[in-house]
């Protein structure tokens, strides 16, 4: 695992066997915490345990004014189970410069996942 500040982690080897939100919600500290110009921030994903029995996984970035954000900001296309192997890096999400105070990830499972874990965090582009 990369060395990452705990406040920048959405999912710390979170088991994803059903549709669910990320374990952690990130608080940017201001109502309209817009990043503005500069180096973009990226959400990186690492599969820490291979997924099994699901068809695909879709990940969305949600934001909101409260600590239970539910408005979708960015959606990744569905990721086929064959691409969710241990150690795999899946597509990154660039955090849009315009967003609200709170953010979380939302994992939508297609099929019946019996295993699979993700480490997801905010970092710099690879």
C-alpha atoms as a PDB file:
ATOM      1  CA  UNK A   1       0.000   0.000   0.000  1.00  0.00           C
ATOM      2  CA  UNK A   2       1.247   3.512  -0.702  1.00  0.00           C
ATOM      3  CA  UNK A   3       1.927   5.796   2.239  1.00  0.00           C
ATOM      4  CA  UNK A   4      -1.181   8.005   2.443  1.00  0.00           C
ATOM      5  CA  UNK A   5      -2.498  10.428   5.054  1.00  0.00           C
ATOM      6  CA  UNK A   6      -5.518   8.806   6.758  1.00  0.00           C
ATOM      7  CA  UNK A   7      -7.782  11.797   6.059  1.00  0.00           C
ATOM      8  CA  UNK A   8      -7.338  11.168   2.308  1.00  0.00           C
ATOM      9  CA  UNK A   9      -8.505   7.539   2.348  1.00  0.00           C
ATOM     10  CA  UNK A  10     -12.018   6.642   1.150  1.00  0.00           C
ATOM     11  CA  UNK A  11     -11.656   2.855   1.493  1.00  0.00           C
ATOM     12  CA  UNK A  12      -8.914   1.096   3.457  1.00  0.00           C
ATOM     13  CA  UNK A  13      -9.042  -2.455   2.111  1.00  0.00           C
ATOM     14  CA  UNK A  14     -12.838  -2.218   2.260  1.00  0.00           C
ATOM     15  CA  UNK A  15     -14.660  -5.448   1.427  1.00  0.00           C
ATOM     16  CA  UNK A  16     -17.083  -4.861  -1.441  1.00  0.00           C
ATOM     17  CA  UNK A  17     -19.485  -7.793  -1.607  1.00  0.00           C
ATOM     18  CA  UNK A  18     -22.662  -5.711  -1.995  1.00  0.00           C
ATOM     19  CA  UNK A  19     -23.547  -2.244  -3.251  1.00  0.00           C
ATOM     20  CA  UNK A  20     -22.341   0.246  -0.629  1.00  0.00           C
ATOM     21  CA  UNK A  21     -20.741   3.610   0.078  1.00  0.00           C
ATOM     22  CA  UNK A  22     -17.071   3.957   0.947  1.00  0.00           C
ATOM     23  CA  UNK A  23     -16.223   3.487   4.606  1.00  0.00           C
ATOM     24  CA  UNK A  24     -14.927   7.047   4.893  1.00  0.00           C
ATOM     25  CA  UNK A  25     -16.368  10.421   3.896  1.00  0.00           C
ATOM     26  CA  UNK A  26     -13.834  13.160   3.205  1.00  0.00           C
ATOM     27  CA  UNK A  27     -14.587  16.616   4.588  1.00  0.00           C
ATOM     28  CA  UNK A  28     -12.990  19.456   2.627  1.00  0.00           C
ATOM     29  CA  UNK A  29     -13.920  21.906   5.399  1.00  0.00           C
ATOM     30  CA  UNK A  30     -15.860  24.508   3.393  1.00  0.00           C
ATOM     31  CA  UNK A  31     -19.375  24.592   1.926  1.00  0.00           C
ATOM     32  CA  UNK A  32     -18.106  25.086  -1.634  1.00  0.00           C
ATOM     33  CA  UNK A  33     -14.638  23.645  -1.318  1.00  0.00           C
ATOM     34  CA  UNK A  34     -13.757  24.259  -4.955  1.00  0.00           C
ATOM     35  CA  UNK A  35     -10.174  23.319  -5.721  1.00  0.00           C
ATOM     36  CA  UNK A  36      -9.599  25.912  -8.428  1.00  0.00           C
ATOM     37  CA  UNK A  37      -6.651  25.874 -10.811  1.00  0.00           C
ATOM     38  CA  UNK A  38      -3.454  23.995 -10.087  1.00  0.00           C
ATOM     39  CA  UNK A  39      -2.347  20.386  -9.927  1.00  0.00           C
ATOM     40  CA  UNK A  40      -5.419  18.153 -10.118  1.00  0.00           C
ATOM     41  CA  UNK A  41      -6.186  15.694  -7.361  1.00  0.00           C
ATOM     42  CA  UNK A  42      -6.862  12.115  -8.349  1.00  0.00           C
ATOM     43  CA  UNK A  43      -8.657   9.271  -6.622  1.00  0.00           C
ATOM     44  CA  UNK A  44      -6.506   6.163  -6.984  1.00  0.00           C
ATOM     45  CA  UNK A  45      -7.760   2.609  -6.586  1.00  0.00           C
ATOM     46  CA  UNK A  46      -5.873  -0.600  -5.801  1.00  0.00           C
ATOM     47  CA  UNK A  47      -7.537  -4.002  -5.668  1.00  0.00           C
ATOM     48  CA  UNK A  48      -6.161  -5.648  -2.508  1.00  0.00           C
ATOM     49  CA  UNK A  49      -8.206  -8.854  -2.783  1.00  0.00           C
ATOM     50  CA  UNK A  50      -9.450 -10.287  -6.073  1.00  0.00           C
ATOM     51  CA  UNK A  51     -13.170 -10.000  -6.711  1.00  0.00           C
ATOM     52  CA  UNK A  52     -15.136 -13.209  -7.144  1.00  0.00           C
ATOM     53  CA  UNK A  53     -18.604 -14.097  -8.430  1.00  0.00           C
ATOM     54  CA  UNK A  54     -19.652 -10.610  -9.507  1.00  0.00           C
ATOM     55  CA  UNK A  55     -20.286  -9.531 -13.106  1.00  0.00           C
ATOM     56  CA  UNK A  56     -18.937  -5.975 -12.821  1.00  0.00           C
ATOM     57  CA  UNK A  57     -18.316  -3.089 -10.455  1.00  0.00           C
ATOM     58  CA  UNK A  58     -19.216   0.539 -11.042  1.00  0.00           C
ATOM     59  CA  UNK A  59     -17.694   3.310  -8.940  1.00  0.00           C
ATOM     60  CA  UNK A  60     -19.092   6.807  -8.582  1.00  0.00           C
ATOM     61  CA  UNK A  61     -17.834   9.862  -6.733  1.00  0.00           C
ATOM     62  CA  UNK A  62     -20.559  11.577  -4.752  1.00  0.00           C
ATOM     63  CA  UNK A  63     -20.561  14.976  -3.079  1.00  0.00           C
ATOM     64  CA  UNK A  64     -22.932  16.950  -0.892  1.00  0.00           C
ATOM     65  CA  UNK A  65     -23.438  19.647   1.708  1.00  0.00           C
ATOM     66  CA  UNK A  66     -23.904  17.113   4.526  1.00  0.00           C
ATOM     67  CA  UNK A  67     -21.798  14.241   5.824  1.00  0.00           C
ATOM     68  CA  UNK A  68     -23.977  11.787   3.874  1.00  0.00           C
ATOM     69  CA  UNK A  69     -23.288  13.008   0.319  1.00  0.00           C
ATOM     70  CA  UNK A  70     -25.476  11.423  -2.341  1.00  0.00           C
ATOM     71  CA  UNK A  71     -25.256  13.604  -5.460  1.00  0.00           C
ATOM     72  CA  UNK A  72     -23.212  11.914  -8.165  1.00  0.00           C
ATOM     73  CA  UNK A  73     -20.311  13.990  -9.413  1.00  0.00           C
ATOM     74  CA  UNK A  74     -18.359  11.475 -11.549  1.00  0.00           C
ATOM     75  CA  UNK A  75     -19.153   7.928 -12.696  1.00  0.00           C
ATOM     76  CA  UNK A  76     -16.626   5.412 -13.956  1.00  0.00           C
ATOM     77  CA  UNK A  77     -17.837   2.937 -16.569  1.00  0.00           C
ATOM     78  CA  UNK A  78     -18.581  -0.533 -15.199  1.00  0.00           C
ATOM     79  CA  UNK A  79     -15.401  -2.561 -14.651  1.00  0.00           C
ATOM     80  CA  UNK A  80     -15.581  -6.224 -15.683  1.00  0.00           C
ATOM     81  CA  UNK A  81     -14.797  -8.837 -13.053  1.00  0.00           C
ATOM     82  CA  UNK A  82     -11.812 -10.050 -15.111  1.00  0.00           C
ATOM     83  CA  UNK A  83     -10.114  -6.677 -14.458  1.00  0.00           C
ATOM     84  CA  UNK A  84     -10.619  -6.817 -10.684  1.00  0.00           C
ATOM     85  CA  UNK A  85      -7.661  -9.021  -9.801  1.00  0.00           C
ATOM     86  CA  UNK A  86      -5.402  -8.555  -6.763  1.00  0.00           C
ATOM     87  CA  UNK A  87      -2.885  -5.773  -7.316  1.00  0.00           C
ATOM     88  CA  UNK A  88      -4.755  -4.307 -10.282  1.00  0.00           C
ATOM     89  CA  UNK A  89      -4.998  -0.566 -10.616  1.00  0.00           C
ATOM     90  CA  UNK A  90      -8.350   0.474 -11.984  1.00  0.00           C
ATOM     91  CA  UNK A  91      -9.147   3.794 -13.711  1.00  0.00           C
ATOM     92  CA  UNK A  92      -8.547   6.922 -11.671  1.00  0.00           C
ATOM     93  CA  UNK A  93     -11.126   9.620 -11.013  1.00  0.00           C
ATOM     94  CA  UNK A  94      -9.993  13.238 -11.324  1.00  0.00           C
ATOM     95  CA  UNK A  95     -11.720  15.332  -8.676  1.00  0.00           C
ATOM     96  CA  UNK A  96     -13.568  18.157 -10.451  1.00  0.00           C
ATOM     97  CA  UNK A  97     -12.505  21.647  -9.401  1.00  0.00           C
ATOM     98  CA  UNK A  98     -16.133  22.517  -8.519  1.00  0.00           C
ATOM     99  CA  UNK A  99     -17.567  20.437  -5.683  1.00  0.00           C
ATOM    100  CA  UNK A 100     -19.320  20.609  -2.327  1.00  0.00           C
ATOM    101  CA  UNK A 101     -17.861  20.085   1.145  1.00  0.00           C
ATOM    102  CA  UNK A 102     -18.219  16.299   1.586  1.00  0.00           C
ATOM    103  CA  UNK A 103     -17.227  13.445  -0.744  1.00  0.00           C
ATOM    104  CA  UNK A 104     -17.507   9.694  -0.724  1.00  0.00           C
ATOM    105  CA  UNK A 105     -17.298   6.842  -3.201  1.00  0.00           C
ATOM    106  CA  UNK A 106     -20.223   4.611  -4.029  1.00  0.00           C
ATOM    107  CA  UNK A 107     -19.646   1.049  -5.236  1.00  0.00           C
ATOM    108  CA  UNK A 108     -22.393  -0.616  -7.297  1.00  0.00           C
ATOM    109  CA  UNK A 109     -22.011  -4.377  -7.590  1.00  0.00           C
ATOM    110  CA  UNK A 110     -23.583  -6.227 -10.518  1.00  0.00           C
ATOM    111  CA  UNK A 111     -24.028  -9.891  -9.674  1.00  0.00           C
ATOM    112  CA  UNK A 112     -23.295 -11.600  -6.384  1.00  0.00           C
ATOM    113  CA  UNK A 113     -19.824 -10.717  -5.163  1.00  0.00           C
ATOM    114  CA  UNK A 114     -18.387 -13.168  -2.658  1.00  0.00           C
ATOM    115  CA  UNK A 115     -14.975 -11.528  -2.294  1.00  0.00           C
ATOM    116  CA  UNK A 116     -13.123  -8.360  -3.209  1.00  0.00           C
ATOM    117  CA  UNK A 117     -11.395  -5.494  -1.416  1.00  0.00           C
ATOM    118  CA  UNK A 118     -10.390  -1.984  -2.490  1.00  0.00           C
ATOM    119  CA  UNK A 119      -7.932   0.615  -1.224  1.00  0.00           C
ATOM    120  CA  UNK A 120      -9.045   4.049  -2.534  1.00  0.00           C
ATOM    121  CA  UNK A 121      -7.366   7.353  -1.715  1.00  0.00           C
ATOM    122  CA  UNK A 122      -6.767  10.908  -2.915  1.00  0.00           C
ATOM    123  CA  UNK A 123      -3.327  11.438  -4.375  1.00  0.00           C
ATOM    124  CA  UNK A 124      -1.419  12.919  -7.264  1.00  0.00           C
ATOM    125  CA  UNK A 125      -1.747  11.728 -10.868  1.00  0.00           C
ATOM    126  CA  UNK A 126       0.402   8.691 -11.691  1.00  0.00           C
END
